[in-house]
Amino acid sequence: MIKSKLINYLPVALLALFTSCKDDNDFKPTPVQGLYYNYVPSEVGHTAIYNVNLITKDEFTGNQDTSNYQLKELIESEFIDLSGRKTQRLERYTRGDSTQPWVISDVWTSNLLSDRYEKKEENITYVKLRFPLVDGNVWNGNLYNNLDAQDYSITGLNYSSLLNGMNFDSTLTVLQSDYEDLLEKSFAIEKYATGAGLIYKESIFIKKDFNNPGSIKAQTNYRQTLVSYTN
């Protein structure tokens, strides 16, 4: 039994040794590390298209809105940031449906580093993944921003998945939030697949009406599902 455990942990230990020797300013995954880093696309030209469903309820007006649209995220180029790190420029486009032209909505950035994957969304940096990937790993997703600490954890790793007719041999799930009390509910996950990157994202925030059990004062429900991707 002890020998079996040592064998199982050996690849992780070797990966940690490889990554600890890498300089993040000139980091590029090797084939040995590919099983882990292939969950994150970093090559210029990678494009992912998603269907997005957004449901919101305003706390003050009580109005509830539902919107459906498509989102495209393109790794448009790579540059060196102020810390000397290779950084991907992510151009994000939206359209109402597949018959309409894409319109650029914003620009984000990402960094694939030896020990983590960072993504800057609306000028807020999140630690999306921690390497080496191990099922059950926990880290602070808000480590490099000013928000309260938030535990992220891997709740599934290297499992097959079928999504919108696409078969993925290796996917992983990151649980970003799972909290509920008498006043609010917060739930958020992201799913990644090797070669494709992010394939599914869901976040739910509900503010409850304490004086009326079962009634919702405000909510934001967001779902982002991969439709297609190209490398």
Protein backbone atom coordinates (compact mmCIF):
# COMPACT_ATOMS: atom_id res chain seq x y z
CA MET A 1 0.00 0.00 0.00
CA ILE A 2 2.82 2.42 0.93
CA LYS A 3 4.70 1.54 -2.23
CA SER A 4 1.57 2.21 -4.31
CA LYS A 5 1.12 5.67 -2.77
CA LEU A 6 4.76 6.54 -3.46
CA ILE A 7 4.34 5.57 -7.11
CA ASN A 8 1.19 7.67 -7.41
CA TYR A 9 2.86 10.77 -5.98
CA LEU A 10 6.11 10.41 -7.93
CA PRO A 11 4.85 12.21 -11.11
CA VAL A 12 3.65 15.14 -9.01
CA ALA A 13 6.97 15.38 -7.19
CA LEU A 14 8.89 15.29 -10.47
CA LEU A 15 6.66 18.00 -11.93
CA ALA A 16 7.24 20.21 -8.89
CA LEU A 17 10.99 19.74 -9.39
CA PHE A 18 10.77 20.72 -13.06
CA THR A 19 8.62 23.78 -12.42
CA SER A 20 10.70 25.06 -9.49
CA CYS A 21 13.68 25.38 -11.81
CA LYS A 22 11.84 27.47 -14.40
CA ASP A 23 12.22 31.20 -14.71
CA ASP A 24 8.71 32.70 -15.04
CA ASN A 25 10.11 35.45 -17.26
CA ASP A 26 11.01 32.85 -19.88
CA PHE A 27 8.59 30.06 -19.05
CA LYS A 28 7.41 27.63 -21.72
CA PRO A 29 5.89 24.23 -20.84
CA THR A 30 7.83 21.13 -21.88
CA PRO A 31 6.23 17.89 -23.13
CA VAL A 32 6.79 16.33 -19.70
CA GLN A 33 4.67 19.06 -18.12
CA GLY A 34 2.06 19.10 -20.87
CA LEU A 35 -0.48 16.94 -19.04
CA TYR A 36 -0.97 19.81 -16.59
CA TYR A 37 -0.32 22.97 -18.57
CA ASN A 38 -2.37 21.88 -21.59
CA TYR A 39 -5.49 22.84 -19.66
CA VAL A 40 -4.53 26.46 -20.34
CA PRO A 41 -4.18 27.73 -23.93
CA SER A 42 -1.41 30.30 -24.31
CA GLU A 43 -0.63 30.28 -28.04
CA VAL A 44 -1.49 33.34 -30.10
CA GLY A 45 -4.51 32.67 -32.30
CA HIS A 46 -6.38 30.40 -29.91
CA THR A 47 -10.08 31.26 -30.17
CA ALA A 48 -13.04 30.08 -28.09
CA ILE A 49 -16.71 30.85 -28.72
CA TYR A 50 -19.31 30.52 -25.97
CA ASN A 51 -23.05 30.77 -25.50
CA VAL A 52 -23.84 33.00 -22.53
CA ASN A 53 -27.03 33.11 -20.47
CA LEU A 54 -27.41 35.89 -17.90
CA ILE A 55 -30.32 36.36 -15.49
CA THR A 56 -30.41 39.38 -13.18
CA LYS A 57 -32.90 40.77 -10.68
CA ASP A 58 -32.53 44.33 -9.41
CA GLU A 59 -32.90 44.69 -5.66
CA PHE A 60 -34.47 48.14 -5.79
CA THR A 61 -36.81 47.93 -8.78
CA GLY A 62 -37.57 44.21 -8.57
CA ASN A 63 -37.12 43.98 -12.35
CA GLN A 64 -35.79 40.69 -13.68
CA ASP A 65 -33.94 40.52 -17.00
CA THR A 66 -32.71 37.59 -19.07
CA SER A 67 -30.17 37.96 -21.86
CA ASN A 68 -28.61 35.44 -24.21
CA TYR A 69 -25.63 36.20 -26.43
CA GLN A 70 -22.38 34.80 -27.77
CA LEU A 71 -18.90 35.58 -26.50
CA LYS A 72 -15.62 35.12 -28.34
CA GLU A 73 -12.27 35.19 -26.59
CA LEU A 74 -9.15 35.44 -28.78
CA ILE A 75 -5.49 35.32 -27.76
CA GLU A 76 -4.61 38.19 -30.06
CA SER A 77 -0.95 38.64 -29.21
CA GLU A 78 1.76 38.18 -26.58
CA PHE A 79 3.87 40.83 -24.89
CA ILE A 80 6.25 41.26 -21.96
CA ASP A 81 4.63 42.92 -18.95
CA LEU A 82 6.29 45.27 -16.43
CA SER A 83 7.48 42.27 -14.42
CA GLY A 84 9.21 40.80 -17.45
CA ARG A 85 6.67 38.00 -17.86
CA LYS A 86 5.17 36.69 -21.11
CA THR A 87 1.59 37.94 -21.12
CA GLN A 88 -1.29 37.04 -23.42
CA ARG A 89 -3.59 39.81 -24.68
CA LEU A 90 -7.17 38.46 -24.68
CA GLU A 91 -9.58 40.28 -26.94
CA ARG A 92 -13.23 39.61 -26.09
CA TYR A 93 -16.07 40.08 -28.54
CA THR A 94 -19.85 39.71 -28.21
CA ARG A 95 -22.81 39.37 -30.55
CA GLY A 96 -26.51 38.68 -30.13
CA ASP A 97 -26.41 35.45 -32.17
CA SER A 98 -24.46 33.74 -34.96
CA THR A 99 -26.09 35.89 -37.65
CA GLN A 100 -24.67 39.14 -36.27
CA PRO A 101 -21.14 40.62 -36.51
CA TRP A 102 -18.74 40.48 -33.61
CA VAL A 103 -18.23 43.68 -31.60
CA ILE A 104 -15.24 44.03 -29.29
CA SER A 105 -16.33 44.46 -25.68
CA ASP A 106 -13.14 44.49 -23.63
CA VAL A 107 -9.53 43.34 -23.35
CA TRP A 108 -8.22 41.06 -20.61
CA THR A 109 -4.79 39.50 -20.05
CA SER A 110 -3.46 36.18 -18.80
CA ASN A 111 -0.17 34.71 -17.60
CA LEU A 112 0.75 31.03 -17.74
CA LEU A 113 3.48 30.69 -15.11
CA SER A 114 5.39 27.72 -13.76
CA ASP A 115 3.31 27.47 -10.57
CA ARG A 116 -0.01 29.13 -11.50
CA TYR A 117 -2.32 30.49 -14.16
CA GLU A 118 -3.38 34.10 -13.66
CA LYS A 119 -6.12 35.95 -15.49
CA LYS A 120 -6.81 39.66 -15.22
CA GLU A 121 -10.52 40.34 -15.65
CA GLU A 122 -11.67 43.97 -15.59
CA ASN A 123 -8.31 44.90 -13.99
CA ILE A 124 -8.72 42.30 -11.22
CA THR A 125 -6.15 39.48 -11.16
CA TYR A 126 -7.36 36.01 -10.19
CA VAL A 127 -5.29 32.86 -9.65
CA LYS A 128 -7.35 30.49 -11.76
CA LEU A 129 -5.16 27.38 -11.38
CA ARG A 130 -2.28 26.23 -9.21
CA PHE A 131 0.39 23.85 -10.53
CA PRO A 132 1.03 21.01 -10.22
CA LEU A 133 -2.66 20.11 -10.49
CA VAL A 134 -3.81 17.75 -7.76
CA ASP A 135 -7.40 16.79 -7.03
CA GLY A 136 -8.39 18.46 -3.74
CA ASN A 137 -5.75 21.22 -3.94
CA VAL A 138 -6.86 24.50 -2.31
CA TRP A 139 -5.47 27.99 -2.95
CA ASN A 140 -6.46 31.65 -2.56
CA GLY A 141 -7.91 32.82 -5.87
CA ASN A 142 -7.69 36.44 -4.70
CA LEU A 143 -4.04 36.28 -3.68
CA TYR A 144 -3.00 39.06 -6.08
CA ASN A 145 -5.94 41.43 -5.73
CA ASN A 146 -7.51 43.51 -2.95
CA LEU A 147 -10.60 41.33 -2.46
CA ASP A 148 -11.16 39.13 0.56
CA ALA A 149 -9.40 35.77 0.48
CA GLN A 150 -11.38 33.15 -1.46
CA ASP A 151 -10.55 29.45 -1.44
CA TYR A 152 -10.49 27.79 -4.86
CA SER A 153 -10.25 23.99 -5.02
CA ILE A 154 -10.01 21.27 -7.65
CA THR A 155 -13.00 18.97 -7.26
CA GLY A 156 -12.42 16.78 -10.31
CA LEU A 157 -9.31 16.13 -12.41
CA ASN A 158 -8.50 14.28 -15.64
CA TYR A 159 -12.01 12.96 -16.27
CA SER A 160 -13.71 12.67 -19.67
CA SER A 161 -16.59 14.98 -20.55
CA LEU A 162 -19.11 15.54 -23.36
CA LEU A 163 -20.24 19.10 -24.04
CA ASN A 164 -22.19 20.39 -27.05
CA GLY A 165 -21.19 17.34 -29.07
CA MET A 166 -17.49 17.75 -28.23
CA ASN A 167 -15.68 14.92 -26.46
CA PHE A 168 -12.91 15.89 -24.07
CA ASP A 169 -10.59 13.19 -22.73
CA SER A 170 -9.25 15.25 -19.84
CA THR A 171 -11.21 17.91 -18.00
CA LEU A 172 -11.02 19.47 -14.55
CA THR A 173 -13.40 21.40 -12.33
CA VAL A 174 -12.45 24.29 -10.05
CA LEU A 175 -14.90 25.16 -7.29
CA GLN A 176 -14.52 28.87 -6.61
CA SER A 177 -17.41 29.48 -4.22
CA ASP A 178 -20.05 27.40 -2.45
CA TYR A 179 -21.71 29.27 0.41
CA GLU A 180 -25.25 29.75 1.68
CA ASP A 181 -26.88 31.20 4.79
CA LEU A 182 -30.16 32.91 5.67
CA LEU A 183 -29.21 36.08 3.79
CA GLU A 184 -27.41 34.99 0.63
CA LYS A 185 -26.15 32.21 -1.59
CA SER A 186 -22.95 32.18 -3.62
CA PHE A 187 -21.83 29.43 -5.99
CA ALA A 188 -19.20 29.50 -8.74
CA ILE A 189 -17.32 26.90 -10.79
CA GLU A 190 -15.10 26.78 -13.86
CA LYS A 191 -14.34 23.73 -16.01
CA TYR A 192 -11.28 23.35 -18.23
CA ALA A 193 -10.30 20.80 -20.88
CA THR A 194 -6.87 20.01 -22.29
CA GLY A 195 -6.33 21.78 -25.59
CA ALA A 196 -9.49 23.86 -25.27
CA GLY A 197 -9.03 25.79 -22.02
CA LEU A 198 -12.17 27.07 -20.30
CA ILE A 199 -15.21 25.10 -21.48
CA TYR A 200 -17.83 26.01 -18.87
CA LYS A 201 -18.32 28.73 -16.29
CA GLU A 202 -21.21 29.22 -13.89
CA SER A 203 -21.72 31.75 -11.11
CA ILE A 204 -24.78 32.32 -8.97
CA PHE A 205 -25.32 35.04 -6.41
CA ILE A 206 -28.64 35.37 -4.62
CA LYS A 207 -29.62 37.91 -1.99
CA LYS A 208 -32.53 36.56 0.02
CA ASP A 209 -35.45 38.42 1.56
CA PHE A 210 -35.06 37.57 5.24
CA ASN A 211 -38.60 38.73 6.03
CA ASN A 212 -40.13 36.56 3.29
CA PRO A 213 -38.59 33.06 3.31
CA GLY A 214 -38.15 31.72 -0.20
CA SER A 215 -38.27 35.18 -1.77
CA ILE A 216 -35.32 36.63 -3.66
CA LYS A 217 -34.41 40.31 -3.37
CA ALA A 218 -31.63 40.28 -5.96
CA GLN A 219 -29.76 37.76 -8.06
CA THR A 220 -27.17 37.28 -10.78
CA ASN A 221 -27.05 33.93 -12.58
CA TYR A 222 -24.35 33.59 -15.25
CA ARG A 223 -23.63 30.58 -17.46
CA GLN A 224 -20.96 30.42 -20.17
CA THR A 225 -20.78 27.26 -22.31
CA LEU A 226 -18.24 26.46 -25.01
CA VAL A 227 -19.62 26.15 -28.55
CA SER A 228 -16.39 25.79 -30.55
CA TYR A 229 -12.66 26.49 -30.38
CA THR A 230 -9.63 26.66 -32.65
CA ASN A 231 -5.93 26.52 -31.84
